[in-house]
């Protein structure tokens, strides 16, 4: 993984000192909340319903054990003993005191972490495939390119005050595990017919109140022009993006209103101009960054067979491991979705354990997943049973990856000042319902996502089943959506009809699942069956 150089550390340390002073001036009454708000947002500090929330950046989701230990220590020392892992591969703390903010950032800086650009109208944390560098199906490790983008975008003066927040994702396989086409810019590292690596650019995706799937605007950009093309995309947006209406300020609106062809024409024009200016960092810089992402020292003769005599262990292996590019290894998913638990939450004790397990079994590396779980990317198959046993003992061994119990959910009205409804209780009730009925196994792959408001932090538009919490005359109401996907077959879910109460939405999800079970054909996922039979049978079951 990437290690800070003297410039990285100096920038982060300077920001800590600067923000510590700003916090103190706010506490002393020398800054009003209106004056302080843009300053705290630049450092990932939000004011939520009950307290300040701090969002910490985890670039492309990669952590080492010392960093996870530090995150656990922060949870214990400054929060209420836990942290919340997000769909942006970050971690949030929900109970922060303003007087502690500077100390937290200082503790993060000691382990090469920060909260810079995790909020505000700037380029946010660069996300990537959580199996990057380990997956058997990728053409290259996408993280060096994500790191190059991180270095280019950090403190970029031209893009510090964009019309709206901006999210970039980088993957390197045809299988999209990071919702790449639902980002402002989605980049796929590809190989052309000549065997050369390049980048395909998708621009103008996003969720929120106006969800859109990013169109492909260029199918191949040479890697030594990657930053230049990204800069051209940002410049056109920065020039024409709406600043008078935040609901129309995202790049997806600009691409939609200009049309993908016209937006592409202007990007290509800007790209040609920038090539003449020579803004691309030297290719040697990319080569330098790549050295930090070399493969660990995999054993040459690691056992390829797994003893599956324990049925509980075998089930976990089937559901929670992912094929690795090296024989004898696998990527192991640690579920943060126990039945009845809060999706994405981990206690300080659990974080310490995950850090220790990463050091013992995964070459000192962890990944935060887009799905709010944690991955140990490089686990020898011979170590899987010992790893699973430790996870089981800590309540982290749920075998539920990509099942109806593996729910993505935002914090909702329990914490968020923007939310209209609670997400957490609904997620808890759904997981409890399906665990009790025993239908989880029969349903197979079924991705369920819950948002507490139209901002869609829970990605409800991209769920095979999505739930959107709304306010109906002061009462929490839940709309049911069907047919979404964040994968390579990206699709936006459609609302079934009138909403439901909190208990009613749990019943509605089960009814939708039952329609699938009665109508599916061999090998079909929920999404496949929905696409084949359409919305009508589901609406009939839901509304009669």
Protein backbone atom coordinates (compact mmCIF):
# COMPACT_ATOMS: atom_id res chain seq x y z
CA UNK A 1 0.00 0.00 0.00
CA UNK A 2 1.04 3.61 -0.51
CA UNK A 3 3.19 5.20 2.19
CA UNK A 4 3.38 8.94 2.84
CA UNK A 5 6.47 10.82 1.74
CA UNK A 6 7.68 14.01 3.42
CA UNK A 7 5.30 16.13 1.36
CA UNK A 8 2.22 14.08 2.24
CA UNK A 9 3.06 14.18 5.93
CA UNK A 10 3.86 17.88 5.91
CA UNK A 11 0.53 18.73 4.24
CA UNK A 12 -1.49 16.64 6.68
CA UNK A 13 0.36 17.97 9.73
CA UNK A 14 -0.14 21.56 8.54
CA UNK A 15 -3.87 20.94 8.08
CA UNK A 16 -4.15 19.52 11.60
CA UNK A 17 -2.56 22.60 13.13
CA UNK A 18 -4.72 24.90 11.03
CA UNK A 19 -7.97 23.15 11.91
CA UNK A 20 -7.10 22.88 15.59
CA UNK A 21 -6.84 26.68 15.64
CA UNK A 22 -10.13 27.06 13.75
CA UNK A 23 -11.92 24.78 16.23
CA UNK A 24 -10.58 26.73 19.17
CA UNK A 25 -11.72 30.01 17.65
CA UNK A 26 -15.20 28.52 17.19
CA UNK A 27 -15.25 27.34 20.82
CA UNK A 28 -14.10 30.81 21.96
CA UNK A 29 -16.89 32.46 19.96
CA UNK A 30 -14.49 34.19 17.57
CA UNK A 31 -16.10 32.38 14.63
CA UNK A 32 -19.83 32.09 14.04
CA UNK A 33 -21.33 28.78 12.89
CA UNK A 34 -21.81 30.26 9.40
CA UNK A 35 -18.12 31.19 9.32
CA UNK A 36 -17.01 27.86 10.75
CA UNK A 37 -19.20 25.59 8.60
CA UNK A 38 -17.13 25.69 5.38
CA UNK A 39 -13.94 25.24 7.42
CA UNK A 40 -15.18 22.16 9.27
CA UNK A 41 -16.64 20.63 6.12
CA UNK A 42 -13.24 20.88 4.44
CA UNK A 43 -12.00 18.65 7.26
CA UNK A 44 -14.82 16.09 7.23
CA UNK A 45 -16.65 17.42 10.30
CA UNK A 46 -20.46 17.50 10.02
CA UNK A 47 -23.01 18.75 12.51
CA UNK A 48 -25.65 16.03 12.78
CA UNK A 49 -28.81 15.66 14.85
CA UNK A 50 -27.15 14.93 18.17
CA UNK A 51 -23.45 15.69 17.84
CA UNK A 52 -20.64 16.32 15.38
CA UNK A 53 -19.84 13.50 12.96
CA UNK A 54 -16.32 13.03 11.62
CA UNK A 55 -15.76 11.23 8.33
CA UNK A 56 -12.25 9.81 7.88
CA UNK A 57 -10.85 9.12 4.43
CA UNK A 58 -9.72 5.60 3.55
CA UNK A 59 -8.33 6.05 0.00
CA UNK A 60 -9.59 3.26 -2.26
CA UNK A 61 -10.52 1.39 0.92
CA UNK A 62 -7.02 0.14 1.77
CA UNK A 63 -5.80 -0.06 5.38
CA UNK A 64 -2.92 -1.65 7.25
CA UNK A 65 -3.25 -3.04 10.76
CA UNK A 66 -1.71 -0.02 12.54
CA UNK A 67 -4.33 2.19 10.89
CA UNK A 68 -7.22 -0.06 11.88
CA UNK A 69 -5.87 -0.15 15.42
CA UNK A 70 -5.78 3.66 15.40
CA UNK A 71 -9.38 3.82 14.18
CA UNK A 72 -10.37 1.51 17.03
CA UNK A 73 -8.52 3.69 19.54
CA UNK A 74 -10.35 6.79 18.26
CA UNK A 75 -13.68 4.99 18.66
CA UNK A 76 -12.81 4.17 22.26
CA UNK A 77 -11.26 7.49 23.23
CA UNK A 78 -13.44 10.02 21.42
CA UNK A 79 -16.68 8.27 20.43
CA UNK A 80 -18.91 5.66 22.07
CA UNK A 81 -16.79 2.64 21.28
CA UNK A 82 -17.66 2.01 17.64
CA UNK A 83 -17.31 3.34 14.10
CA UNK A 84 -19.50 3.15 11.00
CA UNK A 85 -18.01 2.01 7.68
CA UNK A 86 -19.62 3.63 4.64
CA UNK A 87 -20.35 2.93 0.97
CA UNK A 88 -17.55 5.39 0.08
CA UNK A 89 -15.05 3.02 1.78
CA UNK A 90 -14.63 5.54 4.61
CA UNK A 91 -15.35 5.39 8.35
CA UNK A 92 -17.56 7.79 10.31
CA UNK A 93 -17.75 8.60 14.00
CA UNK A 94 -21.14 9.85 15.12
CA UNK A 95 -20.52 11.28 18.61
CA UNK A 96 -17.59 13.70 18.29
CA UNK A 97 -17.01 16.68 20.57
CA UNK A 98 -15.70 19.81 18.86
CA UNK A 99 -12.95 20.25 21.44
CA UNK A 100 -11.58 16.80 20.48
CA UNK A 101 -11.55 17.30 16.70
CA UNK A 102 -7.98 18.59 16.51
CA UNK A 103 -6.67 15.75 18.68
CA UNK A 104 -8.44 13.16 16.52
CA UNK A 105 -6.90 14.55 13.35
CA UNK A 106 -3.49 14.56 15.03
CA UNK A 107 -3.93 10.90 16.01
CA UNK A 108 -4.91 10.09 12.41
CA UNK A 109 -1.88 11.95 11.04
CA UNK A 110 0.41 9.71 13.09
CA UNK A 111 -0.74 6.71 11.03
CA UNK A 112 -0.87 8.46 7.62
CA UNK A 113 -4.60 9.20 7.67
CA UNK A 114 -6.77 12.31 7.52
CA UNK A 115 -10.29 13.62 6.94
CA UNK A 116 -9.41 16.04 4.13
CA UNK A 117 -11.92 16.31 1.27
CA UNK A 118 -14.39 13.90 2.82
CA UNK A 119 -16.96 16.70 2.57
CA UNK A 120 -17.52 19.93 0.68
CA UNK A 121 -17.78 20.75 -3.01
CA UNK A 122 -14.51 19.13 -3.97
CA UNK A 123 -13.16 15.83 -5.26
CA UNK A 124 -13.95 13.30 -2.55
CA UNK A 125 -12.20 10.10 -1.48
CA UNK A 126 -11.23 8.08 -4.57
CA UNK A 127 -12.94 4.67 -4.41
CA UNK A 128 -12.05 1.38 -6.06
CA UNK A 129 -12.77 -2.33 -6.24
CA UNK A 130 -12.39 -3.80 -2.74
CA UNK A 131 -10.75 -6.89 -4.28
CA UNK A 132 -8.21 -4.78 -6.22
CA UNK A 133 -4.80 -6.36 -6.56
CA UNK A 134 -6.19 -9.74 -5.52
CA UNK A 135 -9.07 -10.52 -7.89
CA UNK A 136 -8.48 -13.15 -10.53
CA UNK A 137 -10.45 -11.24 -13.19
CA UNK A 138 -8.73 -7.83 -13.30
CA UNK A 139 -6.28 -6.68 -15.99
CA UNK A 140 -4.20 -4.70 -13.49
CA UNK A 141 -4.31 -3.44 -9.92
CA UNK A 142 -6.39 -0.23 -10.20
CA UNK A 143 -5.11 1.24 -6.93
CA UNK A 144 -1.94 2.88 -8.32
CA UNK A 145 -4.17 4.86 -10.68
CA UNK A 146 -6.53 5.72 -7.83
CA UNK A 147 -3.53 6.89 -5.82
CA UNK A 148 -2.28 9.02 -8.71
CA UNK A 149 -5.74 10.60 -8.88
CA UNK A 150 -5.70 11.14 -5.11
CA UNK A 151 -2.40 12.99 -5.27
CA UNK A 152 -3.55 15.08 -8.24
CA UNK A 153 -6.88 15.99 -6.66
CA UNK A 154 -5.74 16.75 -3.09
CA UNK A 155 -5.74 20.52 -2.57
CA UNK A 156 -6.15 21.06 -6.34
CA UNK A 157 -6.75 24.83 -6.42
CA UNK A 158 -8.95 24.80 -9.52
CA UNK A 159 -11.28 22.14 -8.13
CA UNK A 160 -11.49 23.13 -4.46
CA UNK A 161 -14.85 24.89 -4.94
CA UNK A 162 -16.72 22.91 -7.55
CA UNK A 163 -20.44 23.46 -8.21
CA UNK A 164 -21.09 20.35 -6.10
CA UNK A 165 -19.31 17.36 -4.53
CA UNK A 166 -17.49 15.09 -6.96
CA UNK A 167 -16.87 11.35 -6.75
CA UNK A 168 -14.42 9.27 -8.79
CA UNK A 169 -14.11 5.47 -8.91
CA UNK A 170 -11.43 3.30 -10.55
CA UNK A 171 -11.79 -0.41 -11.34
CA UNK A 172 -9.88 -2.83 -13.57
CA UNK A 173 -12.21 -5.70 -14.42
CA UNK A 174 -15.34 -6.20 -16.46
CA UNK A 175 -17.07 -7.19 -13.23
CA UNK A 176 -18.04 -3.95 -11.52
CA UNK A 177 -17.91 -4.37 -7.74
CA UNK A 178 -17.76 -0.64 -6.92
CA UNK A 179 -20.82 0.93 -8.63
CA UNK A 180 -18.45 2.61 -11.07
CA UNK A 181 -21.16 3.85 -13.47
CA UNK A 182 -22.99 5.57 -10.63
CA UNK A 183 -20.08 7.95 -9.96
CA UNK A 184 -19.44 11.42 -11.38
CA UNK A 185 -16.47 9.89 -13.15
CA UNK A 186 -16.08 6.13 -13.44
CA UNK A 187 -12.79 4.84 -14.82
CA UNK A 188 -12.18 1.28 -15.96
CA UNK A 189 -8.60 0.23 -16.65
CA UNK A 190 -8.80 -1.82 -19.85
CA UNK A 191 -6.50 -3.54 -22.33
CA UNK A 192 -6.89 -2.78 -26.04
CA UNK A 193 -6.40 -5.11 -28.98
CA UNK A 194 -2.69 -4.25 -29.06
CA UNK A 195 -2.31 -5.39 -25.48
CA UNK A 196 -1.81 -1.86 -24.12
CA UNK A 197 -3.37 -0.69 -20.87
CA UNK A 198 -5.57 2.38 -20.96
CA UNK A 199 -8.64 3.87 -19.32
CA UNK A 200 -12.29 3.91 -20.35
CA UNK A 201 -14.09 7.00 -19.00
CA UNK A 202 -17.75 7.02 -17.90
CA UNK A 203 -18.96 10.49 -16.88
CA UNK A 204 -22.21 11.77 -15.42
CA UNK A 205 -23.48 9.05 -13.12
CA UNK A 206 -24.95 9.45 -9.67
CA UNK A 207 -27.84 8.72 -7.38
CA UNK A 208 -29.71 11.19 -5.17
CA UNK A 209 -33.00 12.76 -6.23
CA UNK A 210 -32.13 12.45 -9.93
CA UNK A 211 -30.35 9.10 -10.43
CA UNK A 212 -28.47 8.61 -13.68
CA UNK A 213 -26.15 6.02 -15.17
CA UNK A 214 -22.92 7.47 -16.57
CA UNK A 215 -22.50 7.14 -20.34
CA UNK A 216 -19.20 6.01 -21.84
CA UNK A 217 -17.56 9.10 -23.31
CA UNK A 218 -14.19 7.60 -24.33
CA UNK A 219 -13.31 3.93 -24.55
CA UNK A 220 -9.52 4.29 -24.37
CA UNK A 221 -7.29 6.97 -22.88
CA UNK A 222 -3.56 6.12 -22.78
CA UNK A 223 -2.37 5.82 -19.19
CA UNK A 224 0.18 8.57 -19.67
CA UNK A 225 -2.77 10.90 -20.38
CA UNK A 226 -5.08 9.72 -17.58
CA UNK A 227 -4.79 12.81 -15.39
CA UNK A 228 -5.04 15.16 -18.35
CA UNK A 229 -8.31 13.59 -19.49
CA UNK A 230 -9.72 13.68 -15.96
CA UNK A 231 -8.75 17.34 -15.72
CA UNK A 232 -10.52 18.06 -19.02
CA UNK A 233 -13.70 16.41 -17.68
CA UNK A 234 -13.51 18.50 -14.49
CA UNK A 235 -12.77 21.74 -16.31
CA UNK A 236 -15.83 21.52 -18.51
CA UNK A 237 -17.95 20.78 -15.46
CA UNK A 238 -16.38 23.55 -13.39
CA UNK A 239 -17.00 26.00 -16.22
CA UNK A 240 -20.67 25.22 -16.90
CA UNK A 241 -21.99 23.40 -13.80
CA UNK A 242 -24.92 25.09 -12.07
CA UNK A 243 -24.01 27.07 -8.95
CA UNK A 244 -27.40 28.74 -8.58
CA UNK A 245 -29.34 25.55 -7.75
CA UNK A 246 -27.77 22.75 -5.71
CA UNK A 247 -30.37 20.30 -6.98
CA UNK A 248 -29.06 20.80 -10.51
CA UNK A 249 -25.40 21.25 -9.68
CA UNK A 250 -24.03 17.72 -10.13
CA UNK A 251 -22.19 16.81 -13.32
CA UNK A 252 -24.89 14.27 -14.19
CA UNK A 253 -27.28 17.20 -14.79
CA UNK A 254 -24.77 18.99 -17.01
CA UNK A 255 -24.11 15.86 -19.09
CA UNK A 256 -27.85 15.21 -19.36
CA UNK A 257 -28.74 18.75 -20.38
CA UNK A 258 -25.84 19.24 -22.80
CA UNK A 259 -26.19 15.70 -24.08
CA UNK A 260 -23.38 13.16 -23.83
CA UNK A 261 -22.18 13.92 -27.36
CA UNK A 262 -21.83 17.67 -26.80
CA UNK A 263 -20.25 17.22 -23.37
CA UNK A 264 -17.77 14.77 -24.93
CA UNK A 265 -16.98 17.22 -27.73
CA UNK A 266 -16.12 19.94 -25.24
CA UNK A 267 -14.03 17.55 -23.12
CA UNK A 268 -12.08 16.45 -26.20
CA UNK A 269 -11.47 20.07 -27.12
CA UNK A 270 -10.25 20.84 -23.60
CA UNK A 271 -8.18 17.66 -23.61
CA UNK A 272 -6.35 18.69 -26.77
CA UNK A 273 -5.64 22.10 -25.26
CA UNK A 274 -4.30 20.58 -22.02
CA UNK A 275 -2.06 18.17 -23.91
CA UNK A 276 -0.38 21.19 -25.45
CA UNK A 277 0.09 22.67 -21.97
CA UNK A 278 1.77 19.54 -20.62
CA UNK A 279 -0.16 19.20 -17.33
CA UNK A 280 0.26 15.41 -17.02
CA UNK A 281 2.59 14.35 -14.20
CA UNK A 282 5.71 12.52 -15.40
CA UNK A 283 5.06 8.86 -16.15
CA UNK A 284 7.89 8.14 -13.74
CA UNK A 285 5.57 9.25 -10.93
CA UNK A 286 3.11 6.51 -11.81
CA UNK A 287 5.98 4.03 -11.89
CA UNK A 288 7.04 5.23 -8.42
CA UNK A 289 3.52 4.79 -7.07
CA UNK A 290 3.24 1.29 -8.55
CA UNK A 291 6.16 0.11 -6.42
CA UNK A 292 3.98 0.54 -3.31
CA UNK A 293 1.42 -1.93 -4.68
CA UNK A 294 3.61 -4.88 -5.54
CA UNK A 295 2.32 -8.31 -4.60
CA UNK A 296 3.19 -9.64 -1.15
CA UNK A 297 5.43 -12.69 -0.82
CA UNK A 298 2.88 -15.39 -1.56
CA UNK A 299 3.85 -18.93 -0.60
CA UNK A 300 4.80 -21.01 -3.60
CA UNK A 301 3.07 -24.18 -2.41
CA UNK A 302 0.09 -23.05 -0.38
CA UNK A 303 -2.54 -25.78 -0.12
CA UNK A 304 -5.32 -25.35 -2.69
CA UNK A 305 -7.86 -27.66 -1.03
CA UNK A 306 -10.13 -26.66 1.87
CA UNK A 307 -11.43 -29.10 4.46
CA UNK A 308 -15.19 -28.64 4.20
CA UNK A 309 -16.23 -31.24 6.78
CA UNK A 310 -17.64 -28.54 9.10
CA UNK A 311 -20.92 -27.46 7.41
CA UNK A 312 -20.99 -24.03 9.09
CA UNK A 313 -17.45 -23.32 7.93
CA UNK A 314 -18.24 -24.61 4.44
CA UNK A 315 -21.22 -22.28 4.17
CA UNK A 316 -19.06 -19.30 5.18
CA UNK A 317 -16.43 -20.28 2.60
CA UNK A 318 -19.08 -20.53 -0.11
CA UNK A 319 -20.59 -17.14 0.66
CA UNK A 320 -17.80 -15.01 2.09
CA UNK A 321 -14.73 -15.79 0.01
CA UNK A 322 -13.76 -14.53 -3.43
CA UNK A 323 -11.45 -16.07 -6.08
CA UNK A 324 -7.83 -14.92 -5.84
CA UNK A 325 -5.34 -14.50 -8.67
CA UNK A 326 -2.82 -16.78 -6.89
CA UNK A 327 -3.50 -20.48 -6.42
CA UNK A 328 -3.88 -21.44 -2.80
CA UNK A 329 -5.18 -18.02 -1.72
CA UNK A 330 -8.56 -16.37 -1.45
CA UNK A 331 -10.06 -13.06 -0.35
CA UNK A 332 -12.11 -13.41 2.84
CA UNK A 333 -15.01 -11.08 3.63
CA UNK A 334 -15.69 -10.13 7.24
CA UNK A 335 -19.40 -9.38 7.51
CA UNK A 336 -20.42 -6.33 9.53
CA UNK A 337 -24.05 -7.40 9.14
CA UNK A 338 -24.94 -9.79 11.98
CA UNK A 339 -28.64 -10.62 12.23
CA UNK A 340 -30.31 -7.72 13.99
CA UNK A 341 -27.14 -5.62 13.87
CA UNK A 342 -26.51 -2.15 12.47
CA UNK A 343 -25.09 -2.49 8.93
CA UNK A 344 -21.51 -1.22 8.71
CA UNK A 345 -20.93 -0.74 12.44
CA UNK A 346 -17.93 -2.26 14.19
CA UNK A 347 -16.94 -1.95 17.83
CA UNK A 348 -13.47 -0.87 18.85
CA UNK A 349 -12.82 -4.40 20.09
CA UNK A 350 -13.85 -5.84 16.72
CA UNK A 351 -11.66 -3.35 14.85
CA UNK A 352 -8.67 -4.32 16.98
CA UNK A 353 -9.37 -7.99 16.23
CA UNK A 354 -9.69 -7.37 12.49
CA UNK A 355 -6.36 -5.52 12.56
CA UNK A 356 -4.70 -8.45 14.34
CA UNK A 357 -6.21 -10.96 11.91
CA UNK A 358 -4.98 -8.91 8.96
CA UNK A 359 -1.46 -8.99 10.34
CA UNK A 360 -1.64 -12.73 11.07
CA UNK A 361 -3.42 -13.92 7.93
CA UNK A 362 -3.46 -11.26 5.17
CA UNK A 363 -0.01 -9.70 4.86
CA UNK A 364 -1.05 -6.84 7.16
CA UNK A 365 -3.75 -5.53 4.81
CA UNK A 366 -7.49 -4.88 5.04
CA UNK A 367 -10.03 -3.31 2.69
CA UNK A 368 -13.22 -1.42 3.41
CA UNK A 369 -15.88 -2.66 1.01
CA UNK A 370 -18.40 -0.62 -0.96
CA UNK A 371 -20.97 -2.87 0.75
CA UNK A 372 -19.94 -1.74 4.28
CA UNK A 373 -18.04 -4.93 5.09
CA UNK A 374 -14.30 -5.58 5.49
CA UNK A 375 -12.05 -7.75 3.31
CA UNK A 376 -8.84 -9.54 4.12
CA UNK A 377 -7.58 -9.65 0.53
CA UNK A 378 -4.80 -12.25 0.66
CA UNK A 379 -5.61 -15.25 2.87
CA UNK A 380 -4.00 -18.65 2.40
CA UNK A 381 -6.72 -21.26 2.09
CA UNK A 382 -4.92 -23.31 4.72
CA UNK A 383 -5.54 -20.46 7.20
CA UNK A 384 -9.25 -20.04 6.48
CA UNK A 385 -10.58 -22.28 9.23
CA UNK A 386 -8.47 -20.58 11.92
CA UNK A 387 -9.57 -17.19 10.60
CA UNK A 388 -13.24 -18.18 10.56
CA UNK A 389 -13.04 -19.56 14.09
CA UNK A 390 -11.67 -16.25 15.38
CA UNK A 391 -14.37 -14.32 13.53
CA UNK A 392 -17.14 -16.58 14.82
CA UNK A 393 -15.99 -16.06 18.40
CA UNK A 394 -16.17 -12.26 17.90
CA UNK A 395 -19.59 -12.16 16.22
CA UNK A 396 -18.04 -11.41 12.83
CA UNK A 397 -18.59 -14.74 11.10
CA UNK A 398 -22.00 -14.19 9.50
CA UNK A 399 -22.08 -16.11 6.18
CA UNK A 400 -24.26 -13.61 4.35
CA UNK A 401 -22.31 -11.86 1.58
CA UNK A 402 -24.65 -10.74 -1.22
CA UNK A 403 -27.71 -12.23 0.50
CA UNK A 404 -30.85 -10.45 1.67
CA UNK A 405 -29.22 -10.13 5.10
CA UNK A 406 -26.18 -8.26 3.67
CA UNK A 407 -28.07 -4.97 3.70
CA UNK A 408 -26.57 -1.59 2.78
CA UNK A 409 -28.12 1.13 4.94
CA UNK A 410 -27.36 4.78 5.67
CA UNK A 411 -27.48 6.04 9.30
CA UNK A 412 -30.89 7.57 8.58
CA UNK A 413 -32.94 9.62 11.01
CA UNK A 414 -31.21 8.08 14.03
CA UNK A 415 -28.25 10.37 13.26
CA UNK A 416 -28.54 12.35 10.03
CA UNK A 417 -30.05 15.83 9.98
CA UNK A 418 -31.04 15.41 6.32
CA UNK A 419 -32.95 12.15 6.76
CA UNK A 420 -36.74 11.82 6.63
CA UNK A 421 -36.96 8.33 8.09
CA UNK A 422 -34.95 5.77 10.01
CA UNK A 423 -32.98 3.15 8.08
CA UNK A 424 -31.36 1.16 10.87
CA UNK A 425 -34.51 -0.33 12.49
CA UNK A 426 -35.83 -1.39 9.09
CA UNK A 427 -32.57 -3.13 8.23
CA UNK A 428 -32.57 -4.88 11.59
CA UNK A 429 -36.14 -6.10 11.24
CA UNK A 430 -35.59 -7.38 7.69
CA UNK A 431 -32.48 -9.36 8.62
CA UNK A 432 -34.28 -10.80 11.64
CA UNK A 433 -37.33 -11.74 9.56
CA UNK A 434 -35.39 -13.64 6.91
CA UNK A 435 -33.10 -15.31 9.41
CA UNK A 436 -36.19 -16.52 11.31
CA UNK A 437 -38.01 -17.78 8.20
CA UNK A 438 -34.93 -19.54 6.84
CA UNK A 439 -35.47 -18.09 3.35
CA UNK A 440 -32.02 -16.48 3.03
CA UNK A 441 -30.38 -19.55 1.53
CA UNK A 442 -33.24 -20.19 -0.90
CA UNK A 443 -33.15 -16.61 -2.17
CA UNK A 444 -29.45 -16.68 -3.05
CA UNK A 445 -28.02 -13.42 -4.38
CA UNK A 446 -30.39 -10.61 -3.46
CA UNK A 447 -28.99 -7.13 -2.86
CA UNK A 448 -31.13 -4.95 -0.61
CA UNK A 449 -30.31 -1.26 -0.01
CA UNK A 450 -32.00 1.29 2.26
CA UNK A 451 -31.83 5.11 2.27
CA UNK A 452 -33.43 7.38 4.85
CA UNK A 453 -33.91 10.19 2.35
CA UNK A 454 -33.73 11.07 -1.34
CA UNK A 455 -29.99 11.81 -1.10
CA UNK A 456 -29.55 8.03 -1.50
CA UNK A 457 -26.53 7.43 0.74
CA UNK A 458 -27.86 3.88 1.08
CA UNK A 459 -27.91 3.44 -2.73
CA UNK A 460 -31.57 2.37 -2.82
CA UNK A 461 -31.76 3.11 -6.56
CA UNK A 462 -29.18 0.36 -7.17
CA UNK A 463 -30.74 -2.39 -5.08
CA UNK A 464 -32.34 -5.49 -6.50
CA UNK A 465 -34.75 -4.40 -3.79
CA UNK A 466 -34.46 -0.79 -2.67
CA UNK A 467 -36.17 1.05 0.16
CA UNK A 468 -36.52 4.83 0.38
CA UNK A 469 -37.69 6.47 3.58
CA UNK A 470 -39.86 9.56 3.11
CA UNK A 471 -41.86 11.89 5.34
CA UNK A 472 -45.58 11.67 4.74
CA UNK A 473 -47.30 14.37 6.78
CA UNK A 474 -44.96 13.88 9.71
CA UNK A 475 -45.06 10.07 9.58
CA UNK A 476 -42.19 7.88 8.39
CA UNK A 477 -43.18 6.10 5.19
CA UNK A 478 -41.18 3.65 3.09
CA UNK A 479 -41.29 3.27 -0.68
CA UNK A 480 -40.34 -0.08 -2.20
CA UNK A 481 -38.26 -0.18 -5.39
CA UNK A 482 -37.37 -3.17 -7.56
CA UNK A 483 -34.91 -3.97 -10.32
CA UNK A 484 -31.80 -1.92 -9.60
CA UNK A 485 -28.19 -2.98 -9.98
CA UNK A 486 -24.85 -1.29 -9.26
CA UNK A 487 -22.85 -3.94 -11.11
CA UNK A 488 -21.74 -4.09 -14.74
CA UNK A 489 -25.42 -4.52 -15.69
CA UNK A 490 -26.18 -1.17 -14.03
CA UNK A 491 -29.87 -0.38 -13.74
CA UNK A 492 -32.04 1.99 -11.73
CA UNK A 493 -34.80 0.51 -9.60
CA UNK A 494 -38.43 1.54 -10.07
CA UNK A 495 -40.95 2.39 -7.37
CA UNK A 496 -43.64 -0.27 -7.01
CA UNK A 497 -46.41 2.06 -5.80
CA UNK A 498 -47.66 3.60 -2.55
CA UNK A 499 -45.36 3.39 0.46
CA UNK A 500 -45.61 1.34 3.63
CA UNK A 501 -45.21 1.74 7.38
CA UNK A 502 -42.09 0.48 9.13
CA UNK A 503 -43.57 -2.95 9.78
CA UNK A 504 -45.41 -2.90 6.45
CA UNK A 505 -42.19 -2.49 4.47
CA UNK A 506 -40.75 -5.61 6.12
CA UNK A 507 -43.84 -7.56 5.02
CA UNK A 508 -43.57 -6.04 1.54
CA UNK A 509 -39.97 -7.18 1.13
CA UNK A 510 -40.96 -10.72 2.10
CA UNK A 511 -43.89 -10.67 -0.35
CA UNK A 512 -41.56 -9.55 -3.16
CA UNK A 513 -39.15 -12.33 -2.23
CA UNK A 514 -41.98 -14.88 -2.31
CA UNK A 515 -43.00 -13.78 -5.82
CA UNK A 516 -39.44 -14.46 -6.93
CA UNK A 517 -39.33 -17.86 -5.25
CA UNK A 518 -42.55 -18.94 -6.97
CA UNK A 519 -41.68 -17.56 -10.41
CA UNK A 520 -37.94 -18.10 -10.86
CA UNK A 521 -36.48 -20.46 -13.39
CA UNK A 522 -33.31 -22.51 -12.97
CA UNK A 523 -30.26 -20.39 -12.22
CA UNK A 524 -32.11 -17.09 -12.02
CA UNK A 525 -31.25 -14.46 -9.43
CA UNK A 526 -33.98 -12.22 -8.07
CA UNK A 527 -32.89 -9.54 -10.55
CA UNK A 528 -33.07 -11.96 -13.49
CA UNK A 529 -36.57 -13.05 -12.61
CA UNK A 530 -37.74 -9.46 -12.16
CA UNK A 531 -36.36 -8.53 -15.57
CA UNK A 532 -38.11 -11.50 -17.16
CA UNK A 533 -41.57 -11.22 -15.59
CA UNK A 534 -41.69 -7.47 -15.03
CA UNK A 535 -43.25 -5.40 -12.27
CA UNK A 536 -46.88 -6.57 -12.57
CA UNK A 537 -46.72 -9.82 -10.53
CA UNK A 538 -44.93 -8.02 -7.73
CA UNK A 539 -47.48 -5.20 -7.63
CA UNK A 540 -50.30 -7.70 -7.55
CA UNK A 541 -48.77 -9.42 -4.53
CA UNK A 542 -48.06 -6.13 -2.78
CA UNK A 543 -51.29 -4.25 -3.43
CA UNK A 544 -53.82 -6.84 -4.58
